[in-house]
Protein backbone atom coordinates (compact mmCIF):
# COMPACT_ATOMS: atom_id res chain seq x y z
CA MET A 1 6.09 17.98 -16.06
CA ILE A 2 3.55 14.92 -15.54
CA PRO A 3 1.75 14.55 -18.27
CA PRO A 4 -2.44 14.88 -17.75
CA ILE A 5 -2.85 10.60 -19.03
CA ALA A 6 -0.68 10.06 -16.33
CA ASN A 7 -2.09 13.13 -13.70
CA GLN A 8 -4.67 10.24 -13.19
CA PHE A 9 -2.58 8.21 -11.28
CA VAL A 10 0.34 10.09 -9.86
CA ALA A 11 -0.63 12.78 -7.62
CA GLY A 12 2.57 15.46 -8.88
CA GLU A 13 5.88 15.84 -8.55
CA SER A 14 6.40 17.43 -4.92
CA PRO A 15 5.20 16.39 -1.71
CA ALA A 16 2.84 19.62 -1.45
CA VAL A 17 1.47 18.61 -4.16
CA ALA A 18 0.25 15.90 -3.37
CA LEU A 19 -0.48 16.73 0.15
CA GLU A 20 -2.95 19.15 -1.93
CA HIS A 21 -4.64 15.90 -3.28
CA VAL A 22 -4.58 14.66 -0.28
CA ARG A 23 -6.82 17.29 1.32
CA HIS A 24 -9.01 17.17 -1.77
CA LEU A 25 -9.62 13.43 -0.73
CA ASN A 26 -10.35 14.13 2.77
CA ASP A 27 -12.73 16.59 1.64
CA ARG A 28 -14.83 13.28 0.07
CA ASN A 29 -13.89 11.52 3.72
CA VAL A 30 -10.96 9.33 1.81
CA ASP A 31 -7.89 9.12 3.31
CA ALA A 32 -4.43 8.90 2.11
CA ILE A 33 -1.27 6.28 1.63
CA CYS A 34 1.32 8.61 0.71
CA ASN A 35 4.56 7.03 -1.34
CA LEU A 36 7.31 8.65 -2.82
CA LEU A 37 8.14 6.71 -6.03
CA GLY A 38 11.08 5.16 -6.41
CA GLU A 39 12.63 1.39 -6.22
CA HIS A 40 15.63 -0.82 -6.80
CA TYR A 41 18.71 1.58 -5.82
CA ASP A 42 22.19 0.50 -5.78
CA GLU A 43 23.60 3.19 -4.54
CA ARG A 44 23.30 4.41 -0.59
CA GLY A 45 22.65 8.30 -1.95
CA PRO A 46 19.02 7.85 -3.26
CA VAL A 47 18.29 5.96 -0.33
CA ALA A 48 19.64 8.34 1.99
CA ASP A 49 17.21 11.28 0.15
CA ASP A 50 14.15 9.20 0.13
CA THR A 51 13.86 8.79 3.76
CA ALA A 52 15.16 12.40 4.27
CA GLU A 53 12.04 13.20 2.42
CA TYR A 54 9.98 10.55 4.11
CA ARG A 55 11.03 11.90 7.06
CA GLN A 56 9.83 15.04 6.16
CA LEU A 57 6.61 14.02 5.02
CA VAL A 58 5.82 12.49 8.10
CA ALA A 59 6.34 15.93 10.31
CA ASP A 60 4.16 17.64 7.15
CA ILE A 61 1.23 15.29 7.85
CA SER A 62 1.42 15.62 11.58
CA GLU A 63 1.83 19.50 11.23
CA SER A 64 -1.30 19.47 8.66
CA GLY A 65 -3.06 17.82 10.62
CA LEU A 66 -4.30 15.49 7.17
CA GLY A 67 -5.67 12.00 7.15
CA ALA A 68 -2.70 9.95 5.62
CA CYS A 69 0.18 7.92 5.99
CA ILE A 70 3.27 6.51 4.16
CA SER A 71 4.20 3.80 2.26
CA VAL A 72 7.87 2.80 1.92
CA LYS A 73 9.41 0.10 -0.25
CA PRO A 74 12.26 -2.24 1.08
CA SER A 75 14.23 -1.72 -2.70
CA GLN A 76 13.56 2.10 -1.97
CA LEU A 77 15.48 1.65 1.34
CA GLY A 78 17.82 -0.15 0.36
CA LEU A 79 17.14 -3.61 0.31
CA ASP A 80 19.39 -4.67 -2.68
CA LEU A 81 22.25 -2.96 -0.56
CA GLY A 82 21.99 -4.94 2.10
CA GLU A 83 18.85 -6.35 4.42
CA ASP A 84 21.00 -4.44 7.19
CA VAL A 85 20.99 -1.12 5.03
CA PHE A 86 17.20 -1.51 4.82
CA ARG A 87 16.41 -2.33 8.66
CA THR A 88 18.69 1.14 8.95
CA GLU A 89 16.98 3.31 6.73
CA LEU A 90 13.21 1.37 7.72
CA GLU A 91 13.87 2.32 11.45
CA THR A 92 15.31 6.05 10.80
CA ILE A 93 11.53 6.61 9.33
CA VAL A 94 9.67 4.54 11.48
CA ASP A 95 11.18 6.58 14.46
CA THR A 96 10.08 9.80 12.94
CA ALA A 97 6.32 8.45 12.17
CA ASP A 98 6.60 7.01 15.97
CA GLU A 99 7.50 10.51 17.23
CA HIS A 100 4.82 12.23 15.49
CA ASP A 101 2.44 9.38 15.28
CA VAL A 102 1.96 8.75 11.67
CA PHE A 103 1.42 4.99 9.91
CA VAL A 104 3.99 3.33 8.44
CA TRP A 105 3.05 0.87 5.39
CA ILE A 106 5.76 -1.43 3.76
CA ASP A 107 4.72 -2.47 0.59
CA MET A 108 5.34 -5.92 -0.60
CA GLU A 109 7.83 -6.49 -3.88
CA ASP A 110 8.54 -9.58 -5.21
CA HIS A 111 8.79 -12.95 -3.48
CA THR A 112 13.05 -12.94 -3.25
CA THR A 113 12.27 -9.85 -0.41
CA THR A 114 9.31 -11.27 1.04
CA ASP A 115 11.31 -13.37 4.40
CA ALA A 116 13.76 -9.94 5.11
CA THR A 117 10.41 -7.52 4.89
CA LEU A 118 8.23 -9.89 7.04
CA ASP A 119 10.93 -9.86 9.58
CA ALA A 120 11.47 -6.38 9.60
CA PHE A 121 7.68 -5.79 9.83
CA GLU A 122 7.43 -7.93 12.74
CA ASP A 123 10.56 -7.00 14.83
CA PHE A 124 9.52 -3.72 14.34
CA ALA A 125 5.91 -3.87 14.94
CA ARG A 126 6.80 -5.26 18.41
CA GLU A 127 9.27 -2.93 19.17
CA TYR A 128 6.77 -0.08 18.52
CA GLY A 129 3.70 -1.48 19.41
CA GLY A 130 2.03 -1.16 15.94
CA GLY A 131 2.10 2.09 13.72
CA LEU A 132 3.22 0.01 10.62
CA GLY A 133 1.56 -2.26 8.74
CA LEU A 134 2.63 -5.20 6.09
CA CYS A 135 1.07 -6.15 2.64
CA VAL A 136 0.53 -9.91 2.13
CA GLN A 137 -0.23 -10.95 -1.38
CA ALA A 138 -2.64 -14.16 -2.12
CA ASN A 139 -0.93 -15.52 -5.11
CA LEU A 140 2.10 -17.00 -3.10
CA LYS A 141 1.74 -20.57 -1.96
CA ARG A 142 3.44 -19.36 1.37
CA THR A 143 1.08 -16.39 2.61
CA ARG A 144 -1.14 -18.53 4.55
CA GLY A 145 1.54 -18.94 7.09
CA ASP A 146 2.82 -16.24 7.03
CA VAL A 147 -0.92 -14.49 7.50
CA GLU A 148 -1.17 -17.49 9.98
CA ARG A 149 2.20 -16.08 11.86
CA LEU A 150 1.30 -12.25 11.80
CA ALA A 151 -1.97 -12.93 13.88
CA ASP A 152 -1.02 -11.69 17.20
CA VAL A 153 1.70 -9.28 15.49
CA PRO A 154 0.29 -4.98 16.35
CA GLY A 155 -0.19 -3.45 13.13
CA LYS A 156 -2.34 -3.48 10.03
CA VAL A 157 -1.77 -6.35 7.28
CA ARG A 158 -2.79 -5.43 3.66
CA PHE A 159 -4.25 -8.24 1.82
CA VAL A 160 -3.33 -8.21 -2.25
CA LYS A 161 -4.18 -10.42 -4.94
CA GLY A 162 -0.36 -9.62 -6.00
CA ALA A 163 0.78 -8.01 -8.85
CA TYR A 164 4.01 -9.94 -9.42
CA ASP A 165 4.66 -12.81 -11.10
CA PRO A 166 6.23 -15.59 -8.97
CA PRO A 167 7.68 -19.10 -10.34
CA ALA A 168 4.91 -21.96 -10.63
CA ASP A 169 6.57 -23.73 -8.17
CA ILE A 170 5.89 -20.72 -5.03
CA GLY A 171 3.16 -18.89 -6.65
CA TYR A 172 0.00 -19.37 -9.02
CA SER A 173 -0.85 -17.82 -11.78
CA ASP A 174 -4.31 -18.91 -12.41
CA GLY A 175 -6.91 -15.44 -11.41
CA ALA A 176 -9.62 -17.48 -10.38
CA ARG A 177 -6.94 -19.59 -7.91
CA VAL A 178 -6.05 -16.25 -6.75
CA ASP A 179 -9.98 -15.21 -6.15
CA ARG A 180 -10.42 -18.27 -3.76
CA GLU A 181 -7.14 -17.88 -2.14
CA TYR A 182 -7.86 -14.32 -1.42
CA ARG A 183 -11.49 -14.94 -0.08
CA SER A 184 -10.27 -17.73 2.13
CA LEU A 185 -7.06 -15.23 4.08
CA LEU A 186 -9.54 -12.72 4.29
CA GLU A 187 -11.66 -15.47 5.98
CA TYR A 188 -8.90 -15.88 8.11
CA ALA A 189 -8.01 -12.84 8.64
CA PHE A 190 -11.41 -11.46 10.02
CA GLU A 191 -12.42 -14.55 12.19
CA HIS A 192 -8.83 -14.67 13.93
CA TYR A 193 -7.22 -10.75 13.52
CA ASP A 194 -8.29 -8.34 16.20
CA GLY A 195 -8.77 -5.81 13.43
CA GLY A 196 -6.03 -3.88 11.58
CA ILE A 197 -6.85 -5.89 7.75
CA GLY A 198 -6.84 -3.42 4.68
CA VAL A 199 -8.40 -5.00 1.91
CA GLY A 200 -6.35 -3.56 -1.32
CA SER A 201 -8.78 -4.71 -4.23
CA HIS A 202 -10.65 -2.70 -6.78
CA ASP A 203 -12.47 -6.11 -7.46
CA PRO A 204 -16.67 -5.41 -6.42
CA ALA A 205 -16.71 -8.83 -5.48
CA MET A 206 -13.77 -8.89 -2.95
CA ILE A 207 -14.67 -5.61 -1.43
CA ASP A 208 -18.16 -7.48 -1.43
CA HIS A 209 -16.91 -10.72 0.45
CA ALA A 210 -15.52 -8.40 3.11
CA LYS A 211 -18.20 -6.35 3.80
CA ALA A 212 -19.96 -9.70 4.03
CA LEU A 213 -17.11 -11.10 6.77
CA HIS A 214 -17.72 -7.78 8.49
CA GLU A 215 -21.11 -8.49 9.13
CA ARG A 216 -20.14 -11.71 10.40
CA TYR A 217 -17.16 -11.27 12.46
CA GLY A 218 -17.74 -7.28 13.57
CA THR A 219 -14.24 -7.31 12.66
CA ASP A 220 -13.16 -4.07 11.74
CA PHE A 221 -11.14 -3.46 8.20
CA GLU A 222 -10.44 -0.27 5.24
CA ILE A 223 -10.54 -0.35 1.75
CA GLN A 224 -7.50 0.59 -0.10
CA MET A 225 -7.90 1.22 -3.91
CA LEU A 226 -4.91 3.29 -6.16
CA MET A 227 -5.21 6.83 -7.61
CA GLY A 228 -6.78 7.06 -10.54
CA VAL A 229 -8.79 3.54 -10.26
CA ARG A 230 -12.32 3.47 -9.59
CA GLU A 231 -12.36 6.77 -8.03
CA ASP A 232 -16.10 7.12 -7.75
CA ALA A 233 -16.26 3.68 -6.30
CA GLN A 234 -13.90 5.03 -3.19
CA TYR A 235 -16.35 8.26 -2.56
CA GLU A 236 -19.16 5.83 -2.37
CA LEU A 237 -17.38 3.10 -0.16
CA ALA A 238 -16.36 5.90 1.95
CA GLU A 239 -19.81 6.96 3.00
CA GLU A 240 -19.96 3.78 5.07
CA TYR A 241 -16.36 2.41 4.86
CA ASP A 242 -12.95 3.09 6.05
CA VAL A 243 -11.51 3.72 2.48
CA TYR A 244 -8.06 5.19 1.86
CA GLN A 245 -6.56 5.84 -1.28
CA TYR A 246 -2.54 4.67 -2.89
CA VAL A 247 -1.52 7.90 -3.83
CA PRO A 248 1.95 7.77 -5.48
CA TYR A 249 4.19 10.75 -5.94
CA GLY A 250 7.67 12.33 -7.63
CA ASP A 251 9.87 12.22 -10.46
CA ARG A 252 9.75 8.70 -10.67
CA TRP A 253 6.47 8.44 -12.16
CA LYS A 254 7.01 7.05 -15.72
CA SER A 255 7.83 3.48 -14.70
CA TYR A 256 4.96 3.31 -12.43
CA PHE A 257 2.50 4.87 -15.02
CA TYR A 258 3.70 2.51 -17.66
CA ARG A 259 2.94 -0.79 -14.72
CA ARG A 260 -0.39 0.77 -14.50
CA VAL A 261 -1.26 0.72 -17.69
CA MET A 262 0.04 -2.76 -18.58
CA GLU A 263 -1.74 -3.93 -15.49
CA ARG A 264 -5.08 -3.61 -16.80
CA ARG A 265 -5.81 -2.12 -20.03
CA GLU A 266 -9.20 -0.54 -18.90
CA ASN A 267 -6.75 1.75 -16.52
CA LEU A 268 -5.44 3.39 -19.69
CA TRP A 269 -9.81 4.12 -21.00
CA PHE A 270 -9.66 5.62 -17.63
CA ALA A 271 -7.27 8.12 -17.73
CA LEU A 272 -7.63 8.75 -21.63
CA ARG A 273 -11.44 9.61 -20.41
CA ALA A 274 -10.65 12.00 -17.85
CA VAL A 275 -8.93 14.30 -20.18
CA LEU A 276 -11.25 13.80 -22.75
CA GLY A 277 -13.72 15.05 -20.16
CA ARG A 278 -16.13 12.30 -21.07
């Protein structure tokens, strides 16, 4: 059972509970990106289990008519066991999602997985004519080239600052520099992409920047935020823009909750305040 303090960031342990959370979000005009928690498997069994659950989740989303899609992690689908395993499992999920008209996001993990993730996304996005999205990280020096490469690939691209700490020779560690890169990447995307831009940020300055770029270029975009962080802002933004909340669920919630708290100490305060009812 998930304790109340972690419940701010994790919807529950079962898909049914997660979808009930999605239903409440939809009532507030916010859609959901559902993620079954799990990563870095070194055996095929858990990979197959999570693939099967994702396929069932896709069917449940389709049958329910909820405003939701799914998001998977490459290491959850067996990338640590080999790129062939990852592609096989991902294709199984994407094929099911295509049948049910449910969108699939592929999360980006640390820099060692970038090439395999990009290649798989591009191949399947072209094969299925879209229906997939990919995350790119502004704190990697290579990302500008990746963003240019993806300009004509069908699907969506989520822009984030980056939650991993890459080595200095391939990434940026200075927050101000990462902010500049993020702004620059958004500017390129709004000018050159035909929609499909996901602004994955809780930073009001970056969201305002995206709004201004939308006004300038008319390019469609959506705002994506985590469950449990600035939820009042999510509901307010949803009155005018497309907003998605990243909704994790599952019994592997402890490591995810720990990361959320360590990323920003304010996250712990958000959770405590909700528990205390203040």
